[in-house]
Amino acid sequence: MLRARWLLPGAALALGAGLGAALGARRRPEGDAVAALLGRLPVVPAVAAAGPPGAAGSELAKYGLPGLAQLRARGSYLLCYDPRSRGALWVIERLERERLRGPSERAACAFREDDSVHEYHRATNADYRGSGFDRGHLAAAANHRWSQEAMQDTFYLSNVAPQDPHLNAHAWNSLERYSRSLARSNKDVYVCTGPLYLPRMEADGKMYVKYQVIGKNHVAVPTHFFKVLILEKESGEIELRSYVMPNSPVDENIPLERFLVPIESIERASGLLFVPNILKRTSNLKAITAGNQR
């Protein structure tokens, strides 16, 4: 269950409270799937550094820039990689009802290193061995049964984070299954998933951000995970559901609605922004939190 000592900025991980904003809808034009996903990306401030302004900026970048946002586009998802944590900042995927079934077999997939990531900054299977953590998918394999290649792409370790085995098998799995069920009753469902590293009050009364690392590559173990669901209704309305779960055993009997949090809490904690990008496409936005579900 959520612990009071773990705090999201601007709001405790208490149950309920909410954005509850009623705001009009505009359907995106049909087009390339990757372009559709790009239009819903969380805002990553580092992307703005891609082009240093003016001559002064060009001179400062004479020997290159040491780091920029690292985006990976694959058939089943888009990912922003964090080389410091050896994992993703976020992964976004689109769930379509007709693609939730298919001939793909999970047994034919295997976890593997992401060779597109520099060897200094990537996780390996050896890092997880004996760690006590599962290789927890961010973009879930079961979301992409439509293609064996798409499912295999979810097994890159860049799309994985160290996850408590009980959480992975029970409450988190329930949230993934619930996300798929929403794809069957909505026009489109966009899912953004990522890790959180939340501050915790220690015995001295001070707040600290502490997290474990595993393996020789020091893969960061998140304290929590978030999942943001953007639901496109047939009516044109956009519905937003945002969840946070601790990276620890969670009683699977706790209703999923107990893990709903205001979207601004995730934005503050993650350094990402969701609502500004959504409002570029619609003015008919409804955020669902515990207590204001239909």
C-alpha atoms as a PDB file:
ATOM      1  CA  MET A   1       0.000   0.000   0.000  1.00  0.00           C
ATOM      2  CA  LEU A   2       1.107   3.587  -0.471  1.00  0.00           C
ATOM      3  CA  ARG A   3       3.153   4.867   2.445  1.00  0.00           C
ATOM      4  CA  ALA A   4       2.684   8.319   3.865  1.00  0.00           C
ATOM      5  CA  ARG A   5       6.408   8.872   4.272  1.00  0.00           C
ATOM      6  CA  TRP A   6       6.900   8.827   0.504  1.00  0.00           C
ATOM      7  CA  LEU A   7       5.836  12.209  -0.821  1.00  0.00           C
ATOM      8  CA  LEU A   8       4.933  13.489  -4.255  1.00  0.00           C
ATOM      9  CA  PRO A   9       5.639  17.211  -4.665  1.00  0.00           C
ATOM     10  CA  GLY A  10       2.533  19.288  -4.156  1.00  0.00           C
ATOM     11  CA  ALA A  11       0.495  16.376  -2.844  1.00  0.00           C
ATOM     12  CA  ALA A  12       0.980  13.393  -0.576  1.00  0.00           C
ATOM     13  CA  LEU A  13       0.273  10.067  -2.202  1.00  0.00           C
ATOM     14  CA  ALA A  14      -3.063  10.191  -0.463  1.00  0.00           C
ATOM     15  CA  LEU A  15      -6.028   8.635  -2.156  1.00  0.00           C
ATOM     16  CA  GLY A  16      -8.407  10.915  -3.959  1.00  0.00           C
ATOM     17  CA  ALA A  17      -8.088  14.647  -4.632  1.00  0.00           C
ATOM     18  CA  GLY A  18      -7.916  15.762  -8.199  1.00  0.00           C
ATOM     19  CA  LEU A  19      -7.421  17.926 -11.138  1.00  0.00           C
ATOM     20  CA  GLY A  20     -11.015  17.453 -12.289  1.00  0.00           C
ATOM     21  CA  ALA A  21     -10.626  19.998 -15.035  1.00  0.00           C
ATOM     22  CA  ALA A  22     -13.356  20.244 -17.624  1.00  0.00           C
ATOM     23  CA  LEU A  23     -11.761  21.751 -20.576  1.00  0.00           C
ATOM     24  CA  GLY A  24     -13.305  20.586 -25.602  1.00  0.00           C
ATOM     25  CA  ALA A  25     -11.930  18.163 -28.182  1.00  0.00           C
ATOM     26  CA  ARG A  26     -10.234  18.037 -31.471  1.00  0.00           C
ATOM     27  CA  ARG A  27      -9.416  14.731 -33.081  1.00  0.00           C
ATOM     28  CA  ARG A  28      -5.905  14.423 -34.479  1.00  0.00           C
ATOM     29  CA  PRO A  29      -5.655  13.771 -38.213  1.00  0.00           C
ATOM     30  CA  GLU A  30      -4.979  10.164 -39.158  1.00  0.00           C
ATOM     31  CA  GLY A  31      -1.380   9.586 -40.135  1.00  0.00           C
ATOM     32  CA  ASP A  32       1.843   7.854 -39.382  1.00  0.00           C
ATOM     33  CA  ALA A  33       1.729   5.995 -36.053  1.00  0.00           C
ATOM     34  CA  VAL A  34       5.057   7.374 -34.902  1.00  0.00           C
ATOM     35  CA  ALA A  35       3.985  10.912 -35.740  1.00  0.00           C
ATOM     36  CA  ALA A  36       0.819  10.353 -33.722  1.00  0.00           C
ATOM     37  CA  LEU A  37       2.862   9.254 -30.751  1.00  0.00           C
ATOM     38  CA  LEU A  38       5.268  12.159 -31.127  1.00  0.00           C
ATOM     39  CA  GLY A  39       2.332  14.536 -30.869  1.00  0.00           C
ATOM     40  CA  ARG A  40       1.605  13.220 -27.385  1.00  0.00           C
ATOM     41  CA  LEU A  41       5.106  13.045 -25.980  1.00  0.00           C
ATOM     42  CA  PRO A  42       5.714  14.363 -22.513  1.00  0.00           C
ATOM     43  CA  VAL A  43       7.646  17.612 -22.694  1.00  0.00           C
ATOM     44  CA  VAL A  44      11.341  16.967 -22.067  1.00  0.00           C
ATOM     45  CA  PRO A  45      13.206  20.232 -21.400  1.00  0.00           C
ATOM     46  CA  ALA A  46      16.512  18.749 -22.592  1.00  0.00           C
ATOM     47  CA  VAL A  47      15.178  18.501 -26.138  1.00  0.00           C
ATOM     48  CA  ALA A  48      15.304  22.280 -26.328  1.00  0.00           C
ATOM     49  CA  ALA A  49      19.091  22.075 -26.083  1.00  0.00           C
ATOM     50  CA  ALA A  50      19.318  20.213 -29.397  1.00  0.00           C
ATOM     51  CA  GLY A  51      20.066  23.383 -31.301  1.00  0.00           C
ATOM     52  CA  PRO A  52      22.257  25.922 -29.444  1.00  0.00           C
ATOM     53  CA  PRO A  53      21.051  29.419 -30.421  1.00  0.00           C
ATOM     54  CA  GLY A  54      23.260  31.882 -32.221  1.00  0.00           C
ATOM     55  CA  ALA A  55      26.943  32.005 -33.026  1.00  0.00           C
ATOM     56  CA  ALA A  56      27.936  31.986 -29.356  1.00  0.00           C
ATOM     57  CA  GLY A  57      26.057  28.751 -28.833  1.00  0.00           C
ATOM     58  CA  SER A  58      27.685  27.180 -31.872  1.00  0.00           C
ATOM     59  CA  GLU A  59      31.126  28.105 -30.598  1.00  0.00           C
ATOM     60  CA  LEU A  60      30.396  26.614 -27.182  1.00  0.00           C
ATOM     61  CA  ALA A  61      29.333  23.391 -28.915  1.00  0.00           C
ATOM     62  CA  LYS A  62      32.551  23.251 -30.948  1.00  0.00           C
ATOM     63  CA  TYR A  63      33.489  19.891 -29.451  1.00  0.00           C
ATOM     64  CA  GLY A  64      29.951  18.644 -29.201  1.00  0.00           C
ATOM     65  CA  LEU A  65      27.404  18.574 -26.408  1.00  0.00           C
ATOM     66  CA  PRO A  66      27.969  15.937 -23.717  1.00  0.00           C
ATOM     67  CA  GLY A  67      24.350  14.883 -23.563  1.00  0.00           C
ATOM     68  CA  LEU A  68      20.875  15.419 -24.995  1.00  0.00           C
ATOM     69  CA  ALA A  69      17.538  13.667 -24.658  1.00  0.00           C
ATOM     70  CA  GLN A  70      17.953  10.188 -26.110  1.00  0.00           C
ATOM     71  CA  LEU A  71      14.838   9.144 -28.026  1.00  0.00           C
ATOM     72  CA  ARG A  72      14.277   5.655 -29.418  1.00  0.00           C
ATOM     73  CA  ALA A  73      11.437   4.962 -31.871  1.00  0.00           C
ATOM     74  CA  ARG A  74      10.367   1.348 -32.264  1.00  0.00           C
ATOM     75  CA  GLY A  75       7.361  -0.298 -33.863  1.00  0.00           C
ATOM     76  CA  SER A  76       5.567  -0.753 -30.562  1.00  0.00           C
ATOM     77  CA  TYR A  77       6.623   2.331 -28.573  1.00  0.00           C
ATOM     78  CA  LEU A  78       8.675   5.499 -28.221  1.00  0.00           C
ATOM     79  CA  LEU A  79      11.171   5.795 -25.408  1.00  0.00           C
ATOM     80  CA  CYS A  80      13.257   8.535 -23.808  1.00  0.00           C
ATOM     81  CA  TYR A  81      16.386   7.040 -22.259  1.00  0.00           C
ATOM     82  CA  ASP A  82      18.147   8.229 -19.105  1.00  0.00           C
ATOM     83  CA  PRO A  83      21.797   7.138 -19.265  1.00  0.00           C
ATOM     84  CA  ARG A  84      22.407   7.995 -15.614  1.00  0.00           C
ATOM     85  CA  SER A  85      19.782   5.573 -14.282  1.00  0.00           C
ATOM     86  CA  ARG A  86      20.445   2.982 -17.035  1.00  0.00           C
ATOM     87  CA  GLY A  87      16.756   3.008 -17.885  1.00  0.00           C
ATOM     88  CA  ALA A  88      13.965   4.980 -19.485  1.00  0.00           C
ATOM     89  CA  LEU A  89      12.625   8.320 -18.303  1.00  0.00           C
ATOM     90  CA  TRP A  90       9.362   7.410 -19.987  1.00  0.00           C
ATOM     91  CA  VAL A  91       7.913   5.068 -22.591  1.00  0.00           C
ATOM     92  CA  ILE A  92       4.795   5.899 -24.577  1.00  0.00           C
ATOM     93  CA  GLU A  93       2.682   3.436 -26.552  1.00  0.00           C
ATOM     94  CA  ARG A  94      -0.640   3.411 -28.376  1.00  0.00           C
ATOM     95  CA  LEU A  95      -3.126   0.661 -27.616  1.00  0.00           C
ATOM     96  CA  GLU A  96      -5.540  -0.169 -30.430  1.00  0.00           C
ATOM     97  CA  ARG A  97      -8.300  -2.700 -29.903  1.00  0.00           C
ATOM     98  CA  GLU A  98      -7.541  -4.587 -33.120  1.00  0.00           C
ATOM     99  CA  ARG A  99      -3.867  -4.993 -32.142  1.00  0.00           C
ATOM    100  CA  LEU A 100      -4.386  -6.456 -28.700  1.00  0.00           C
ATOM    101  CA  ARG A 101      -4.656  -9.935 -30.181  1.00  0.00           C
ATOM    102  CA  GLY A 102      -2.345 -11.740 -32.530  1.00  0.00           C
ATOM    103  CA  PRO A 103      -0.063 -14.689 -33.126  1.00  0.00           C
ATOM    104  CA  SER A 104       2.913 -13.422 -31.097  1.00  0.00           C
ATOM    105  CA  GLU A 105       4.362 -15.722 -28.458  1.00  0.00           C
ATOM    106  CA  ARG A 106       6.026 -14.356 -25.340  1.00  0.00           C
ATOM    107  CA  ALA A 107       7.982 -17.604 -24.951  1.00  0.00           C
ATOM    108  CA  ALA A 108       9.799 -16.782 -28.197  1.00  0.00           C
ATOM    109  CA  CYS A 109      11.090 -13.467 -26.759  1.00  0.00           C
ATOM    110  CA  ALA A 110      14.224 -12.908 -24.694  1.00  0.00           C
ATOM    111  CA  PHE A 111      15.528  -9.939 -22.716  1.00  0.00           C
ATOM    112  CA  ARG A 112      18.518  -8.325 -24.398  1.00  0.00           C
ATOM    113  CA  GLU A 113      20.813  -5.336 -24.125  1.00  0.00           C
ATOM    114  CA  ASP A 114      19.967  -2.259 -26.157  1.00  0.00           C
ATOM    115  CA  ASP A 115      22.998  -1.851 -28.402  1.00  0.00           C
ATOM    116  CA  SER A 116      21.823   1.616 -29.417  1.00  0.00           C
ATOM    117  CA  VAL A 117      22.811   2.792 -25.916  1.00  0.00           C
ATOM    118  CA  HIS A 118      26.499   3.442 -25.180  1.00  0.00           C
ATOM    119  CA  GLU A 119      28.063   0.539 -23.294  1.00  0.00           C
ATOM    120  CA  TYR A 120      28.893   2.817 -20.350  1.00  0.00           C
ATOM    121  CA  HIS A 121      25.221   3.607 -19.846  1.00  0.00           C
ATOM    122  CA  ARG A 122      23.245   0.460 -20.534  1.00  0.00           C
ATOM    123  CA  ALA A 123      21.947  -2.357 -18.382  1.00  0.00           C
ATOM    124  CA  THR A 124      22.757  -6.014 -18.960  1.00  0.00           C
ATOM    125  CA  ASN A 125      20.991  -9.210 -17.976  1.00  0.00           C
ATOM    126  CA  ALA A 126      23.849  -9.894 -15.564  1.00  0.00           C
ATOM    127  CA  ASP A 127      22.887  -6.772 -13.610  1.00  0.00           C
ATOM    128  CA  TYR A 128      19.537  -8.360 -12.731  1.00  0.00           C
ATOM    129  CA  ARG A 129      20.873 -11.803 -11.945  1.00  0.00           C
ATOM    130  CA  GLY A 130      20.547 -12.495  -8.225  1.00  0.00           C
ATOM    131  CA  SER A 131      19.296  -8.957  -7.537  1.00  0.00           C
ATOM    132  CA  GLY A 132      15.894 -10.000  -6.213  1.00  0.00           C
ATOM    133  CA  PHE A 133      14.162  -7.780  -8.784  1.00  0.00           C
ATOM    134  CA  ASP A 134      12.213  -8.690 -11.909  1.00  0.00           C
ATOM    135  CA  ARG A 135      12.947  -7.150 -15.274  1.00  0.00           C
ATOM    136  CA  GLY A 136       9.717  -5.171 -15.268  1.00  0.00           C
ATOM    137  CA  HIS A 137       8.400  -3.992 -18.620  1.00  0.00           C
ATOM    138  CA  LEU A 138       7.436  -0.338 -19.031  1.00  0.00           C
ATOM    139  CA  ALA A 139       5.743  -0.891 -22.411  1.00  0.00           C
ATOM    140  CA  ALA A 140       4.086  -4.229 -21.640  1.00  0.00           C
ATOM    141  CA  ALA A 141       4.770  -7.189 -23.909  1.00  0.00           C
ATOM    142  CA  ALA A 142       1.098  -8.237 -23.833  1.00  0.00           C
ATOM    143  CA  ASN A 143       0.126  -4.876 -25.332  1.00  0.00           C
ATOM    144  CA  HIS A 144       1.763  -5.853 -28.631  1.00  0.00           C
ATOM    145  CA  ARG A 145       0.575  -9.304 -29.606  1.00  0.00           C
ATOM    146  CA  TRP A 146      -0.093  -8.062 -33.143  1.00  0.00           C
ATOM    147  CA  SER A 147       3.541  -8.561 -34.194  1.00  0.00           C
ATOM    148  CA  GLN A 148       6.295 -10.857 -32.982  1.00  0.00           C
ATOM    149  CA  GLU A 149       8.863  -8.165 -33.753  1.00  0.00           C
ATOM    150  CA  ALA A 150       6.870  -5.539 -31.869  1.00  0.00           C
ATOM    151  CA  MET A 151       6.600  -7.824 -28.856  1.00  0.00           C
ATOM    152  CA  GLN A 152      10.311  -8.655 -29.000  1.00  0.00           C
ATOM    153  CA  ASP A 153      11.131  -4.939 -29.021  1.00  0.00           C
ATOM    154  CA  THR A 154       9.550  -4.648 -25.576  1.00  0.00           C
ATOM    155  CA  PHE A 155      12.281  -6.975 -24.249  1.00  0.00           C
ATOM    156  CA  TYR A 156      15.097  -4.470 -24.758  1.00  0.00           C
ATOM    157  CA  LEU A 157      16.505  -3.708 -21.323  1.00  0.00           C
ATOM    158  CA  SER A 158      16.061  -0.007 -22.077  1.00  0.00           C
ATOM    159  CA  ASN A 159      12.313  -0.700 -21.766  1.00  0.00           C
ATOM    160  CA  VAL A 160      12.812  -2.448 -18.434  1.00  0.00           C
ATOM    161  CA  ALA A 161      13.275  -1.347 -14.827  1.00  0.00           C
ATOM    162  CA  PRO A 162      14.065  -3.312 -11.659  1.00  0.00           C
ATOM    163  CA  GLN A 163      10.648  -4.130 -10.232  1.00  0.00           C
ATOM    164  CA  ASP A 164       9.509  -5.901  -7.090  1.00  0.00           C
ATOM    165  CA  PRO A 165       8.418  -9.413  -8.184  1.00  0.00           C
ATOM    166  CA  HIS A 166       5.162  -9.329  -6.205  1.00  0.00           C
ATOM    167  CA  LEU A 167       4.230  -5.946  -7.670  1.00  0.00           C
ATOM    168  CA  ASN A 168       5.110  -7.116 -11.174  1.00  0.00           C
ATOM    169  CA  ALA A 169       3.000 -10.253 -10.913  1.00  0.00           C
ATOM    170  CA  HIS A 170      -0.037  -8.768  -9.203  1.00  0.00           C
ATOM    171  CA  ALA A 171      -1.024  -5.089  -8.815  1.00  0.00           C
ATOM    172  CA  TRP A 172       1.085  -3.753 -11.693  1.00  0.00           C
ATOM    173  CA  ASN A 173      -0.077  -6.569 -13.937  1.00  0.00           C
ATOM    174  CA  SER A 174      -3.656  -5.693 -13.016  1.00  0.00           C
ATOM    175  CA  LEU A 175      -3.047  -2.094 -14.061  1.00  0.00           C
ATOM    176  CA  GLU A 176      -1.636  -3.253 -17.402  1.00  0.00           C
ATOM    177  CA  ARG A 177      -4.649  -5.499 -17.987  1.00  0.00           C
ATOM    178  CA  TYR A 178      -6.979  -2.654 -17.057  1.00  0.00           C
ATOM    179  CA  SER A 179      -5.220  -0.411 -19.588  1.00  0.00           C
ATOM    180  CA  ARG A 180      -5.863  -2.984 -22.296  1.00  0.00           C
ATOM    181  CA  SER A 181      -9.513  -3.258 -21.307  1.00  0.00           C
ATOM    182  CA  LEU A 182      -9.874   0.499 -21.813  1.00  0.00           C
ATOM    183  CA  ALA A 183      -8.545   0.128 -25.352  1.00  0.00           C
ATOM    184  CA  ARG A 184     -11.547  -2.055 -26.123  1.00  0.00           C
ATOM    185  CA  SER A 185     -14.018   0.626 -25.073  1.00  0.00           C
ATOM    186  CA  ASN A 186     -12.307   3.810 -26.340  1.00  0.00           C
ATOM    187  CA  LYS A 187     -11.320   5.089 -29.760  1.00  0.00           C
ATOM    188  CA  ASP A 188      -7.626   5.187 -28.839  1.00  0.00           C
ATOM    189  CA  VAL A 189      -5.588   4.779 -25.675  1.00  0.00           C
ATOM    190  CA  TYR A 190      -2.130   6.296 -25.239  1.00  0.00           C
ATOM    191  CA  VAL A 191      -0.101   4.992 -22.310  1.00  0.00           C
ATOM    192  CA  CYS A 192       2.966   6.676 -20.833  1.00  0.00           C
ATOM    193  CA  THR A 193       4.888   4.736 -18.192  1.00  0.00           C
ATOM    194  CA  GLY A 194       8.028   5.525 -16.260  1.00  0.00           C
ATOM    195  CA  PRO A 195       9.969   5.405 -12.996  1.00  0.00           C
ATOM    196  CA  LEU A 196       9.836   7.824 -10.084  1.00  0.00           C
ATOM    197  CA  TYR A 197      12.452   8.527  -7.421  1.00  0.00           C
ATOM    198  CA  LEU A 198      10.517  10.146  -4.605  1.00  0.00           C
ATOM    199  CA  PRO A 199      11.877  11.866  -1.498  1.00  0.00           C
ATOM    200  CA  ARG A 200      11.329  10.211   1.850  1.00  0.00           C
ATOM    201  CA  MET A 201      11.452  11.632   5.338  1.00  0.00           C
ATOM    202  CA  GLU A 202      14.100   9.970   7.492  1.00  0.00           C
ATOM    203  CA  ALA A 203      14.330   9.706  11.277  1.00  0.00           C
ATOM    204  CA  ASP A 204      16.140  13.064  11.482  1.00  0.00           C
ATOM    205  CA  GLY A 205      13.076  14.796  10.026  1.00  0.00           C
ATOM    206  CA  LYS A 206      14.850  15.663   6.755  1.00  0.00           C
ATOM    207  CA  MET A 207      13.838  14.632   3.251  1.00  0.00           C
ATOM    208  CA  TYR A 208      16.157  12.452   1.175  1.00  0.00           C
ATOM    209  CA  VAL A 209      15.998  10.844  -2.252  1.00  0.00           C
ATOM    210  CA  LYS A 210      17.493   7.388  -1.800  1.00  0.00           C
ATOM    211  CA  TYR A 211      17.335   4.391  -4.106  1.00  0.00           C
ATOM    212  CA  GLN A 212      19.148   1.115  -4.554  1.00  0.00           C
ATOM    213  CA  VAL A 213      21.295   0.273  -7.575  1.00  0.00           C
ATOM    214  CA  ILE A 214      21.946  -3.239  -8.856  1.00  0.00           C
ATOM    215  CA  GLY A 215      24.691  -4.953 -10.839  1.00  0.00           C
ATOM    216  CA  LYS A 216      28.073  -3.744 -11.950  1.00  0.00           C
ATOM    217  CA  ASN A 217      26.384  -1.114 -14.109  1.00  0.00           C
ATOM    218  CA  HIS A 218      24.540   0.357 -11.106  1.00  0.00           C
ATOM    219  CA  VAL A 219      21.055   0.126 -12.605  1.00  0.00           C
ATOM    220  CA  ALA A 220      18.778   2.413 -10.570  1.00  0.00           C
ATOM    221  CA  VAL A 221      15.861   0.838  -8.709  1.00  0.00           C
ATOM    222  CA  PRO A 222      12.856   3.227  -8.811  1.00  0.00           C
ATOM    223  CA  THR A 223      11.029   3.918  -5.573  1.00  0.00           C
ATOM    224  CA  HIS A 224       7.742   4.138  -7.515  1.00  0.00           C
ATOM    225  CA  PHE A 225       6.282   3.798 -11.010  1.00  0.00           C
ATOM    226  CA  PHE A 226       3.772   5.993 -12.810  1.00  0.00           C
ATOM    227  CA  LYS A 227       1.360   5.224 -15.616  1.00  0.00           C
ATOM    228  CA  VAL A 228      -0.582   7.965 -17.416  1.00  0.00           C
ATOM    229  CA  LEU A 229      -3.510   6.924 -19.632  1.00  0.00           C
ATOM    230  CA  ILE A 230      -4.812   9.318 -22.301  1.00  0.00           C
ATOM    231  CA  LEU A 231      -8.196   8.057 -23.496  1.00  0.00           C
ATOM    232  CA  GLU A 232      -9.692   9.335 -26.756  1.00  0.00           C
ATOM    233  CA  LYS A 233     -13.472   8.916 -26.554  1.00  0.00           C
ATOM    234  CA  GLU A 234     -15.727   8.393 -29.550  1.00  0.00           C
ATOM    235  CA  SER A 235     -17.430  11.652 -28.513  1.00  0.00           C
ATOM    236  CA  GLY A 236     -14.176  13.576 -28.933  1.00  0.00           C
ATOM    237  CA  GLU A 237     -13.610  14.028 -25.217  1.00  0.00           C
ATOM    238  CA  ILE A 238     -10.151  13.278 -23.830  1.00  0.00           C
ATOM    239  CA  GLU A 239      -9.986  11.551 -20.468  1.00  0.00           C
ATOM    240  CA  LEU A 240      -6.820  11.447 -18.389  1.00  0.00           C
ATOM    241  CA  ARG A 241      -6.095   8.827 -15.734  1.00  0.00           C
ATOM    242  CA  SER A 242      -2.797   8.917 -13.817  1.00  0.00           C
ATOM    243  CA  TYR A 243      -1.544   6.246 -11.420  1.00  0.00           C
ATOM    244  CA  VAL A 244       1.409   5.820  -9.065  1.00  0.00           C
ATOM    245  CA  MET A 245       2.425   2.574  -7.346  1.00  0.00           C
ATOM    246  CA  PRO A 246       5.298   1.965  -4.935  1.00  0.00           C
ATOM    247  CA  ASN A 247       8.024  -0.436  -6.046  1.00  0.00           C
ATOM    248  CA  SER A 248       7.226  -2.865  -3.254  1.00  0.00           C
ATOM    249  CA  PRO A 249       4.648  -5.600  -2.588  1.00  0.00           C
ATOM    250  CA  VAL A 250       1.124  -4.243  -2.982  1.00  0.00           C
ATOM    251  CA  ASP A 251      -1.997  -6.086  -1.880  1.00  0.00           C
ATOM    252  CA  GLU A 252      -3.686  -7.116  -5.122  1.00  0.00           C
ATOM    253  CA  ASN A 253      -7.071  -6.722  -3.453  1.00  0.00           C
ATOM    254  CA  ILE A 254      -6.676  -2.954  -3.215  1.00  0.00           C
ATOM    255  CA  PRO A 255      -8.816  -1.368  -5.988  1.00  0.00           C
ATOM    256  CA  LEU A 256      -6.807   0.296  -8.747  1.00  0.00           C
ATOM    257  CA  GLU A 257      -8.673   3.551  -8.179  1.00  0.00           C
ATOM    258  CA  ARG A 258      -6.829   3.852  -4.868  1.00  0.00           C
ATOM    259  CA  PHE A 259      -3.649   4.516  -6.861  1.00  0.00           C
ATOM    260  CA  LEU A 260      -5.091   7.364  -8.907  1.00  0.00           C
ATOM    261  CA  VAL A 261      -3.265  10.646  -8.243  1.00  0.00           C
ATOM    262  CA  PRO A 262      -3.553  14.173  -9.662  1.00  0.00           C
ATOM    263  CA  ILE A 263      -1.562  14.463 -12.881  1.00  0.00           C
ATOM    264  CA  GLU A 264       0.272  17.539 -11.575  1.00  0.00           C
ATOM    265  CA  SER A 265       1.779  15.370  -8.824  1.00  0.00           C
ATOM    266  CA  ILE A 266       3.422  13.146 -11.440  1.00  0.00           C
ATOM    267  CA  GLU A 267       4.501  16.182 -13.465  1.00  0.00           C
ATOM    268  CA  ARG A 268       6.202  17.747 -10.461  1.00  0.00           C
ATOM    269  CA  ALA A 269       7.867  14.517  -9.345  1.00  0.00           C
ATOM    270  CA  SER A 270       9.077  13.375 -12.785  1.00  0.00           C
ATOM    271  CA  GLY A 271      10.119  16.701 -14.296  1.00  0.00           C
ATOM    272  CA  LEU A 272       7.795  15.963 -17.231  1.00  0.00           C
ATOM    273  CA  LEU A 273       4.714  17.820 -18.462  1.00  0.00           C
ATOM    274  CA  PHE A 274       1.674  16.103 -19.943  1.00  0.00           C
ATOM    275  CA  VAL A 275      -1.211  18.561 -19.804  1.00  0.00           C
ATOM    276  CA  PRO A 276       0.366  21.324 -21.990  1.00  0.00           C
ATOM    277  CA  ASN A 277       0.833  18.889 -24.893  1.00  0.00           C
ATOM    278  CA  ILE A 278      -2.678  17.498 -24.519  1.00  0.00           C
ATOM    279  CA  LEU A 279      -4.170  20.998 -24.509  1.00  0.00           C
ATOM    280  CA  LYS A 280      -2.475  21.696 -27.836  1.00  0.00           C
ATOM    281  CA  ARG A 281      -4.872  19.159 -29.342  1.00  0.00           C
ATOM    282  CA  THR A 282      -8.041  19.553 -27.310  1.00  0.00           C
ATOM    283  CA  SER A 283      -9.903  21.870 -25.006  1.00  0.00           C
ATOM    284  CA  ASN A 284     -12.175  19.058 -23.823  1.00  0.00           C
ATOM    285  CA  LEU A 285     -10.033  17.387 -21.187  1.00  0.00           C
ATOM    286  CA  LYS A 286     -11.301  15.561 -18.117  1.00  0.00           C
ATOM    287  CA  ALA A 287      -8.881  14.277 -15.506  1.00  0.00           C
ATOM    288  CA  ILE A 288     -10.107  11.304 -13.480  1.00  0.00           C
ATOM    289  CA  THR A 289      -8.965  10.878  -9.898  1.00  0.00           C
ATOM    290  CA  ALA A 290     -10.216   8.779  -7.014  1.00  0.00           C
ATOM    291  CA  GLY A 291     -13.646  10.009  -6.059  1.00  0.00           C
ATOM    292  CA  ASN A 292     -14.629  11.607  -9.382  1.00  0.00           C
ATOM    293  CA  GLN A 293     -14.874   8.510 -11.576  1.00  0.00           C
ATOM    294  CA  ARG A 294     -17.969   8.035 -13.624  1.00  0.00           C
END
